[in-house]
Amino acid sequence: MLWLRGSSPIEATNNTPENYETAVARLELIIARLDSGEAELRETLALCTEAKGLIQFCKAELDAVSGELTELNLDELVTDLERPDAPRA
């Protein structure tokens, strides 16, 4: 069990987060615990290991969204809309 100064304990987890926002929130808790300077050596290792997995999860989520945005061809749509001869609704 991990403790943050002035707050309730947080459990170390090895679960895959539900979503990007949950992963970021967990990373913020880990960073706060590490910044407190109160984590012992083994706890620091466990937190860093968990943080690495969360960062990899976040990167994969961002890559997936980026790819989906690229597939939408938004730049092409904007270019078409800005053309002087583009049909107006």
PDB file of N, CA and C in Angstrom:
ATOM      1  N   MET A   1       0.843  -1.174   0.000  1.00  0.00           N
ATOM      2  CA  MET A   1       0.000   0.000   0.000  1.00  0.00           C
ATOM      3  C   MET A   1       0.890   1.239   0.000  1.00  0.00           C
ATOM      4  N   LEU A   2       0.584   2.196  -0.826  1.00  0.00           N
ATOM      5  CA  LEU A   2       1.364   3.420  -0.933  1.00  0.00           C
ATOM      6  C   LEU A   2       0.614   4.557  -0.257  1.00  0.00           C
ATOM      7  N   TRP A   3       1.343   5.461   0.324  1.00  0.00           N
ATOM      8  CA  TRP A   3       0.729   6.588   1.006  1.00  0.00           C
ATOM      9  C   TRP A   3       1.189   7.890   0.394  1.00  0.00           C
ATOM     10  N   LEU A   4       0.284   8.798   0.224  1.00  0.00           N
ATOM     11  CA  LEU A   4       0.607  10.164  -0.163  1.00  0.00           C
ATOM     12  C   LEU A   4       0.422  11.022   1.067  1.00  0.00           C
ATOM     13  N   ARG A   5       1.368  11.874   1.326  1.00  0.00           N
ATOM     14  CA  ARG A   5       1.294  12.729   2.490  1.00  0.00           C
ATOM     15  C   ARG A   5      -0.020  13.502   2.495  1.00  0.00           C
ATOM     16  N   GLY A   6      -0.750  13.418   3.603  1.00  0.00           N
ATOM     17  CA  GLY A   6      -1.980  14.170   3.748  1.00  0.00           C
ATOM     18  C   GLY A   6      -3.139  13.615   2.945  1.00  0.00           C
ATOM     19  N   SER A   7      -3.036  12.367   2.499  1.00  0.00           N
ATOM     20  CA  SER A   7      -4.136  11.798   1.722  1.00  0.00           C
ATOM     21  C   SER A   7      -4.308  10.334   2.084  1.00  0.00           C
ATOM     22  N   SER A   8      -5.318   9.721   1.510  1.00  0.00           N
ATOM     23  CA  SER A   8      -5.553   8.314   1.760  1.00  0.00           C
ATOM     24  C   SER A   8      -4.535   7.477   0.990  1.00  0.00           C
ATOM     25  N   PRO A   9      -4.365   6.221   1.373  1.00  0.00           N
ATOM     26  CA  PRO A   9      -3.391   5.368   0.687  1.00  0.00           C
ATOM     27  C   PRO A   9      -3.821   5.062  -0.740  1.00  0.00           C
ATOM     28  N   ILE A  10      -2.834   4.794  -1.581  1.00  0.00           N
ATOM     29  CA  ILE A  10      -3.123   4.340  -2.940  1.00  0.00           C
ATOM     30  C   ILE A  10      -2.511   2.955  -3.097  1.00  0.00           C
ATOM     31  N   GLU A  11      -3.217   2.096  -3.769  1.00  0.00           N
ATOM     32  CA  GLU A  11      -2.750   0.726  -3.987  1.00  0.00           C
ATOM     33  C   GLU A  11      -1.887   0.663  -5.239  1.00  0.00           C
ATOM     34  N   ALA A  12      -0.816  -0.090  -5.171  1.00  0.00           N
ATOM     35  CA  ALA A  12      -0.030  -0.360  -6.373  1.00  0.00           C
ATOM     36  C   ALA A  12      -0.870  -1.279  -7.248  1.00  0.00           C
ATOM     37  N   THR A  13      -0.923  -0.989  -8.531  1.00  0.00           N
ATOM     38  CA  THR A  13      -1.739  -1.802  -9.425  1.00  0.00           C
ATOM     39  C   THR A  13      -0.896  -2.343 -10.566  1.00  0.00           C
ATOM     40  N   ASN A  14      -1.301  -3.474 -11.064  1.00  0.00           N
ATOM     41  CA  ASN A  14      -0.667  -4.062 -12.240  1.00  0.00           C
ATOM     42  C   ASN A  14      -1.693  -4.242 -13.341  1.00  0.00           C
ATOM     43  N   ASN A  15      -2.851  -3.617 -13.181  1.00  0.00           N
ATOM     44  CA  ASN A  15      -3.940  -3.757 -14.137  1.00  0.00           C
ATOM     45  C   ASN A  15      -3.780  -2.776 -15.286  1.00  0.00           C
ATOM     46  N   THR A  16      -4.344  -3.165 -16.421  1.00  0.00           N
ATOM     47  CA  THR A  16      -4.389  -2.258 -17.554  1.00  0.00           C
ATOM     48  C   THR A  16      -5.467  -1.225 -17.265  1.00  0.00           C
ATOM     49  N   PRO A  17      -5.153   0.053 -17.427  1.00  0.00           N
ATOM     50  CA  PRO A  17      -6.153   1.085 -17.137  1.00  0.00           C
ATOM     51  C   PRO A  17      -7.347   0.994 -18.084  1.00  0.00           C
ATOM     52  N   GLU A  18      -8.472   1.533 -17.627  1.00  0.00           N
ATOM     53  CA  GLU A  18      -9.693   1.531 -18.437  1.00  0.00           C
ATOM     54  C   GLU A  18      -9.528   2.385 -19.683  1.00  0.00           C
ATOM     55  N   ASN A  19      -8.855   3.517 -19.526  1.00  0.00           N
ATOM     56  CA  ASN A  19      -8.726   4.451 -20.643  1.00  0.00           C
ATOM     57  C   ASN A  19      -7.530   5.382 -20.402  1.00  0.00           C
ATOM     58  N   TYR A  20      -7.300   6.244 -21.364  1.00  0.00           N
ATOM     59  CA  TYR A  20      -6.176   7.188 -21.312  1.00  0.00           C
ATOM     60  C   TYR A  20      -6.257   8.084 -20.076  1.00  0.00           C
ATOM     61  N   GLU A  21      -7.445   8.610 -19.810  1.00  0.00           N
ATOM     62  CA  GLU A  21      -7.618   9.539 -18.688  1.00  0.00           C
ATOM     63  C   GLU A  21      -7.320   8.869 -17.346  1.00  0.00           C
ATOM     64  N   THR A  22      -7.724   7.612 -17.192  1.00  0.00           N
ATOM     65  CA  THR A  22      -7.438   6.876 -15.966  1.00  0.00           C
ATOM     66  C   THR A  22      -5.929   6.664 -15.808  1.00  0.00           C
ATOM     67  N   ALA A  23      -5.264   6.359 -16.904  1.00  0.00           N
ATOM     68  CA  ALA A  23      -3.811   6.155 -16.871  1.00  0.00           C
ATOM     69  C   ALA A  23      -3.089   7.434 -16.474  1.00  0.00           C
ATOM     70  N   VAL A  24      -3.521   8.558 -17.034  1.00  0.00           N
ATOM     71  CA  VAL A  24      -2.887   9.841 -16.710  1.00  0.00           C
ATOM     72  C   VAL A  24      -3.115  10.189 -15.241  1.00  0.00           C
ATOM     73  N   ALA A  25      -4.314   9.942 -14.747  1.00  0.00           N
ATOM     74  CA  ALA A  25      -4.602  10.224 -13.330  1.00  0.00           C
ATOM     75  C   ALA A  25      -3.710   9.379 -12.422  1.00  0.00           C
ATOM     76  N   ARG A  26      -3.529   8.120 -12.778  1.00  0.00           N
ATOM     77  CA  ARG A  26      -2.665   7.239 -11.986  1.00  0.00           C
ATOM     78  C   ARG A  26      -1.212   7.711 -12.055  1.00  0.00           C
ATOM     79  N   LEU A  27      -0.765   8.123 -13.227  1.00  0.00           N
ATOM     80  CA  LEU A  27       0.596   8.657 -13.355  1.00  0.00           C
ATOM     81  C   LEU A  27       0.793   9.882 -12.465  1.00  0.00           C
ATOM     82  N   GLU A  28      -0.218  10.730 -12.385  1.00  0.00           N
ATOM     83  CA  GLU A  28      -0.123  11.912 -11.527  1.00  0.00           C
ATOM     84  C   GLU A  28       0.045  11.523 -10.064  1.00  0.00           C
ATOM     85  N   LEU A  29      -0.671  10.477  -9.623  1.00  0.00           N
ATOM     86  CA  LEU A  29      -0.519   9.996  -8.248  1.00  0.00           C
ATOM     87  C   LEU A  29       0.887   9.447  -8.009  1.00  0.00           C
ATOM     88  N   ILE A  30       1.391   8.701  -8.982  1.00  0.00           N
ATOM     89  CA  ILE A  30       2.739   8.130  -8.861  1.00  0.00           C
ATOM     90  C   ILE A  30       3.780   9.242  -8.778  1.00  0.00           C
ATOM     91  N   ILE A  31       3.648  10.227  -9.640  1.00  0.00           N
ATOM     92  CA  ILE A  31       4.601  11.345  -9.642  1.00  0.00           C
ATOM     93  C   ILE A  31       4.559  12.084  -8.307  1.00  0.00           C
ATOM     94  N   ALA A  32       3.367  12.304  -7.788  1.00  0.00           N
ATOM     95  CA  ALA A  32       3.245  12.986  -6.497  1.00  0.00           C
ATOM     96  C   ALA A  32       3.933  12.186  -5.400  1.00  0.00           C
ATOM     97  N   ARG A  33       3.753  10.866  -5.420  1.00  0.00           N
ATOM     98  CA  ARG A  33       4.390  10.016  -4.410  1.00  0.00           C
ATOM     99  C   ARG A  33       5.909  10.066  -4.549  1.00  0.00           C
ATOM    100  N   LEU A  34       6.408   9.986  -5.760  1.00  0.00           N
ATOM    101  CA  LEU A  34       7.858  10.049  -5.959  1.00  0.00           C
ATOM    102  C   LEU A  34       8.406  11.417  -5.576  1.00  0.00           C
ATOM    103  N   ASP A  35       7.677  12.476  -5.929  1.00  0.00           N
ATOM    104  CA  ASP A  35       8.111  13.832  -5.589  1.00  0.00           C
ATOM    105  C   ASP A  35       8.121  14.089  -4.094  1.00  0.00           C
ATOM    106  N   SER A  36       7.301  13.349  -3.343  1.00  0.00           N
ATOM    107  CA  SER A  36       7.233  13.573  -1.892  1.00  0.00           C
ATOM    108  C   SER A  36       8.538  13.202  -1.207  1.00  0.00           C
ATOM    109  N   GLY A  37       9.329  12.344  -1.862  1.00  0.00           N
ATOM    110  CA  GLY A  37      10.590  11.917  -1.265  1.00  0.00           C
ATOM    111  C   GLY A  37      10.417  10.889  -0.165  1.00  0.00           C
ATOM    112  N   GLU A  38       9.197  10.414   0.038  1.00  0.00           N
ATOM    113  CA  GLU A  38       8.923   9.475   1.124  1.00  0.00           C
ATOM    114  C   GLU A  38       8.925   8.019   0.677  1.00  0.00           C
ATOM    115  N   ALA A  39       9.007   7.774  -0.613  1.00  0.00           N
ATOM    116  CA  ALA A  39       8.998   6.393  -1.104  1.00  0.00           C
ATOM    117  C   ALA A  39      10.350   5.739  -0.835  1.00  0.00           C
ATOM    118  N   GLU A  40      10.302   4.529  -0.303  1.00  0.00           N
ATOM    119  CA  GLU A  40      11.519   3.779  -0.058  1.00  0.00           C
ATOM    120  C   GLU A  40      12.010   3.164  -1.373  1.00  0.00           C
ATOM    121  N   LEU A  41      13.179   2.590  -1.345  1.00  0.00           N
ATOM    122  CA  LEU A  41      13.830   2.090  -2.553  1.00  0.00           C
ATOM    123  C   LEU A  41      12.957   1.102  -3.329  1.00  0.00           C
ATOM    124  N   ARG A  42      12.462   0.063  -2.690  1.00  0.00           N
ATOM    125  CA  ARG A  42      11.645  -0.951  -3.366  1.00  0.00           C
ATOM    126  C   ARG A  42      10.332  -0.354  -3.876  1.00  0.00           C
ATOM    127  N   GLU A  43       9.754   0.543  -3.088  1.00  0.00           N
ATOM    128  CA  GLU A  43       8.522   1.209  -3.512  1.00  0.00           C
ATOM    129  C   GLU A  43       8.785   2.072  -4.742  1.00  0.00           C
ATOM    130  N   THR A  44       9.912   2.765  -4.751  1.00  0.00           N
ATOM    131  CA  THR A  44      10.284   3.595  -5.897  1.00  0.00           C
ATOM    132  C   THR A  44      10.422   2.730  -7.145  1.00  0.00           C
ATOM    133  N   LEU A  45      11.054   1.578  -7.008  1.00  0.00           N
ATOM    134  CA  LEU A  45      11.200   0.666  -8.139  1.00  0.00           C
ATOM    135  C   LEU A  45       9.834   0.209  -8.641  1.00  0.00           C
ATOM    136  N   ALA A  46       8.946  -0.172  -7.733  1.00  0.00           N
ATOM    137  CA  ALA A  46       7.608  -0.624  -8.119  1.00  0.00           C
ATOM    138  C   ALA A  46       6.832   0.497  -8.814  1.00  0.00           C
ATOM    139  N   LEU A  47       6.930   1.701  -8.294  1.00  0.00           N
ATOM    140  CA  LEU A  47       6.227   2.840  -8.892  1.00  0.00           C
ATOM    141  C   LEU A  47       6.776   3.153 -10.284  1.00  0.00           C
ATOM    142  N   CYS A  48       8.087   3.116 -10.420  1.00  0.00           N
ATOM    143  CA  CYS A  48       8.698   3.392 -11.726  1.00  0.00           C
ATOM    144  C   CYS A  48       8.317   2.323 -12.747  1.00  0.00           C
ATOM    145  N   THR A  49       8.259   1.076 -12.312  1.00  0.00           N
ATOM    146  CA  THR A  49       7.851  -0.015 -13.194  1.00  0.00           C
ATOM    147  C   THR A  49       6.405   0.182 -13.641  1.00  0.00           C
ATOM    148  N   GLU A  50       5.535   0.506 -12.691  1.00  0.00           N
ATOM    149  CA  GLU A  50       4.133   0.756 -13.034  1.00  0.00           C
ATOM    150  C   GLU A  50       4.004   1.955 -13.962  1.00  0.00           C
ATOM    151  N   ALA A  51       4.750   3.026 -13.670  1.00  0.00           N
ATOM    152  CA  ALA A  51       4.700   4.238 -14.496  1.00  0.00           C
ATOM    153  C   ALA A  51       5.130   3.930 -15.931  1.00  0.00           C
ATOM    154  N   LYS A  52       6.149   3.098 -16.087  1.00  0.00           N
ATOM    155  CA  LYS A  52       6.607   2.742 -17.431  1.00  0.00           C
ATOM    156  C   LYS A  52       5.473   2.077 -18.218  1.00  0.00           C
ATOM    157  N   GLY A  53       4.774   1.150 -17.597  1.00  0.00           N
ATOM    158  CA  GLY A  53       3.651   0.483 -18.262  1.00  0.00           C
ATOM    159  C   GLY A  53       2.539   1.463 -18.612  1.00  0.00           C
ATOM    160  N   LEU A  54       2.258   2.389 -17.708  1.00  0.00           N
ATOM    161  CA  LEU A  54       1.224   3.394 -17.964  1.00  0.00           C
ATOM    162  C   LEU A  54       1.623   4.317 -19.114  1.00  0.00           C
ATOM    163  N   ILE A  55       2.880   4.691 -19.163  1.00  0.00           N
ATOM    164  CA  ILE A  55       3.365   5.555 -20.245  1.00  0.00           C
ATOM    165  C   ILE A  55       3.264   4.828 -21.580  1.00  0.00           C
ATOM    166  N   GLN A  56       3.607   3.553 -21.600  1.00  0.00           N
ATOM    167  CA  GLN A  56       3.480   2.769 -22.830  1.00  0.00           C
ATOM    168  C   GLN A  56       2.013   2.673 -23.265  1.00  0.00           C
ATOM    169  N   PHE A  57       1.118   2.484 -22.297  1.00  0.00           N
ATOM    170  CA  PHE A  57      -0.312   2.437 -22.601  1.00  0.00           C
ATOM    171  C   PHE A  57      -0.772   3.767 -23.196  1.00  0.00           C
ATOM    172  N   CYS A  58      -0.370   4.882 -22.576  1.00  0.00           N
ATOM    173  CA  CYS A  58      -0.760   6.212 -23.065  1.00  0.00           C
ATOM    174  C   CYS A  58      -0.224   6.461 -24.469  1.00  0.00           C
ATOM    175  N   LYS A  59       1.012   6.059 -24.712  1.00  0.00           N
ATOM    176  CA  LYS A  59       1.592   6.240 -26.047  1.00  0.00           C
ATOM    177  C   LYS A  59       0.795   5.467 -27.087  1.00  0.00           C
ATOM    178  N   ALA A  60       0.424   4.237 -26.754  1.00  0.00           N
ATOM    179  CA  ALA A  60      -0.355   3.426 -27.694  1.00  0.00           C
ATOM    180  C   ALA A  60      -1.713   4.079 -27.967  1.00  0.00           C
ATOM    181  N   GLU A  61      -2.344   4.615 -26.937  1.00  0.00           N
ATOM    182  CA  GLU A  61      -3.630   5.292 -27.116  1.00  0.00           C
ATOM    183  C   GLU A  61      -3.473   6.527 -27.998  1.00  0.00           C
ATOM    184  N   LEU A  62      -2.436   7.319 -27.743  1.00  0.00           N
ATOM    185  CA  LEU A  62      -2.201   8.522 -28.548  1.00  0.00           C
ATOM    186  C   LEU A  62      -1.883   8.166 -29.994  1.00  0.00           C
ATOM    187  N   ASP A  63      -1.095   7.111 -30.201  1.00  0.00           N
ATOM    188  CA  ASP A  63      -0.782   6.668 -31.556  1.00  0.00           C
ATOM    189  C   ASP A  63      -2.049   6.230 -32.290  1.00  0.00           C
ATOM    190  N   ALA A  64      -2.929   5.515 -31.587  1.00  0.00           N
ATOM    191  CA  ALA A  64      -4.175   5.045 -32.201  1.00  0.00           C
ATOM    192  C   ALA A  64      -5.059   6.222 -32.609  1.00  0.00           C
ATOM    193  N   VAL A  65      -5.197   7.187 -31.725  1.00  0.00           N
ATOM    194  CA  VAL A  65      -6.028   8.358 -32.030  1.00  0.00           C
ATOM    195  C   VAL A  65      -5.409   9.162 -33.163  1.00  0.00           C
ATOM    196  N   SER A  66      -4.105   9.293 -33.139  1.00  0.00           N
ATOM    197  CA  SER A  66      -3.424  10.028 -34.201  1.00  0.00           C
ATOM    198  C   SER A  66      -3.675   9.381 -35.548  1.00  0.00           C
ATOM    199  N   GLY A  67      -3.597   8.060 -35.588  1.00  0.00           N
ATOM    200  CA  GLY A  67      -3.852   7.340 -36.826  1.00  0.00           C
ATOM    201  C   GLY A  67      -5.276   7.525 -37.309  1.00  0.00           C
ATOM    202  N   GLU A  68      -6.213   7.499 -36.384  1.00  0.00           N
ATOM    203  CA  GLU A  68      -7.619   7.694 -36.751  1.00  0.00           C
ATOM    204  C   GLU A  68      -7.854   9.111 -37.272  1.00  0.00           C
ATOM    205  N   LEU A  69      -7.184  10.092 -36.655  1.00  0.00           N
ATOM    206  CA  LEU A  69      -7.320  11.469 -37.134  1.00  0.00           C
ATOM    207  C   LEU A  69      -6.732  11.619 -38.529  1.00  0.00           C
ATOM    208  N   THR A  70      -5.622  10.954 -38.785  1.00  0.00           N
ATOM    209  CA  THR A  70      -5.002  10.998 -40.107  1.00  0.00           C
ATOM    210  C   THR A  70      -5.948  10.414 -41.147  1.00  0.00           C
ATOM    211  N   GLU A  71      -6.635   9.325 -40.789  1.00  0.00           N
ATOM    212  CA  GLU A  71      -7.566   8.682 -41.711  1.00  0.00           C
ATOM    213  C   GLU A  71      -8.747   9.579 -42.059  1.00  0.00           C
ATOM    214  N   LEU A  72      -9.060  10.517 -41.204  1.00  0.00           N
ATOM    215  CA  LEU A  72     -10.184  11.413 -41.481  1.00  0.00           C
ATOM    216  C   LEU A  72      -9.869  12.432 -42.578  1.00  0.00           C
ATOM    217  N   ASN A  73      -8.589  12.597 -42.900  1.00  0.00           N
ATOM    218  CA  ASN A  73      -8.161  13.553 -43.931  1.00  0.00           C
ATOM    219  C   ASN A  73      -8.707  14.952 -43.680  1.00  0.00           C
ATOM    220  N   LEU A  74      -8.604  15.415 -42.451  1.00  0.00           N
ATOM    221  CA  LEU A  74      -9.132  16.733 -42.099  1.00  0.00           C
ATOM    222  C   LEU A  74      -8.422  17.856 -42.839  1.00  0.00           C
ATOM    223  N   ASP A  75      -7.119  17.712 -43.063  1.00  0.00           N
ATOM    224  CA  ASP A  75      -6.380  18.748 -43.794  1.00  0.00           C
ATOM    225  C   ASP A  75      -6.930  18.896 -45.213  1.00  0.00           C
ATOM    226  N   GLU A  76      -7.211  17.761 -45.837  1.00  0.00           N
ATOM    227  CA  GLU A  76      -7.770  17.789 -47.187  1.00  0.00           C
ATOM    228  C   GLU A  76      -9.154  18.436 -47.190  1.00  0.00           C
ATOM    229  N   LEU A  77      -9.948  18.138 -46.181  1.00  0.00           N
ATOM    230  CA  LEU A  77     -11.281  18.719 -46.074  1.00  0.00           C
ATOM    231  C   LEU A  77     -11.202  20.239 -45.916  1.00  0.00           C
ATOM    232  N   VAL A  78     -10.309  20.709 -45.068  1.00  0.00           N
ATOM    233  CA  VAL A  78     -10.137  22.151 -44.861  1.00  0.00           C
ATOM    234  C   VAL A  78      -9.682  22.813 -46.159  1.00  0.00           C
ATOM    235  N   THR A  79      -8.731  22.200 -46.841  1.00  0.00           N
ATOM    236  CA  THR A  79      -8.249  22.740 -48.114  1.00  0.00           C
ATOM    237  C   THR A  79      -9.392  22.855 -49.109  1.00  0.00           C
ATOM    238  N   ASP A  80     -10.204  21.813 -49.199  1.00  0.00           N
ATOM    239  CA  ASP A  80     -11.354  21.840 -50.118  1.00  0.00           C
ATOM    240  C   ASP A  80     -12.331  22.943 -49.746  1.00  0.00           C
ATOM    241  N   LEU A  81     -12.564  23.119 -48.464  1.00  0.00           N
ATOM    242  CA  LEU A  81     -13.510  24.140 -48.011  1.00  0.00           C
ATOM    243  C   LEU A  81     -12.999  25.561 -48.225  1.00  0.00           C
ATOM    244  N   GLU A  82     -11.688  25.713 -48.211  1.00  0.00           N
ATOM    245  CA  GLU A  82     -11.098  27.057 -48.393  1.00  0.00           C
ATOM    246  C   GLU A  82     -10.932  27.444 -49.848  1.00  0.00           C
ATOM    247  N   ARG A  83     -11.128  26.512 -50.751  1.00  0.00           N
ATOM    248  CA  ARG A  83     -11.033  26.834 -52.175  1.00  0.00           C
ATOM    249  C   ARG A  83     -12.126  27.834 -52.544  1.00  0.00           C
ATOM    250  N   PRO A  84     -11.786  28.833 -53.351  1.00  0.00           N
ATOM    251  CA  PRO A  84     -12.786  29.834 -53.720  1.00  0.00           C
ATOM    252  C   PRO A  84     -13.963  29.244 -54.490  1.00  0.00           C
ATOM    253  N   ASP A  85     -13.732  28.176 -55.218  1.00  0.00           N
ATOM    254  CA  ASP A  85     -14.820  27.586 -56.016  1.00  0.00           C
ATOM    255  C   ASP A  85     -15.556  26.479 -55.274  1.00  0.00           C
ATOM    256  N   ALA A  86     -15.276  26.332 -53.975  1.00  0.00           N
ATOM    257  CA  ALA A  86     -15.924  25.274 -53.184  1.00  0.00           C
ATOM    258  C   ALA A  86     -17.400  25.610 -53.017  1.00  0.00           C
ATOM    259  N   PRO A  87     -18.274  24.613 -53.152  1.00  0.00           N
ATOM    260  CA  PRO A  87     -19.700  24.858 -52.970  1.00  0.00           C
ATOM    261  C   PRO A  87     -19.992  25.278 -51.524  1.00  0.00           C
ATOM    262  N   ARG A  88     -20.867  26.219 -51.361  1.00  0.00           N
ATOM    263  CA  ARG A  88     -21.246  26.711 -50.036  1.00  0.00           C
ATOM    264  C   ARG A  88     -22.615  26.144 -49.660  1.00  0.00           C
ATOM    265  N   ALA A  89     -22.759  25.785 -48.426  1.00  0.00           N
ATOM    266  CA  ALA A  89     -24.028  25.237 -47.967  1.00  0.00           C
ATOM    267  C   ALA A  89     -25.006  26.330 -47.631  1.00  0.00           C
TER     268      ALA A  89
END
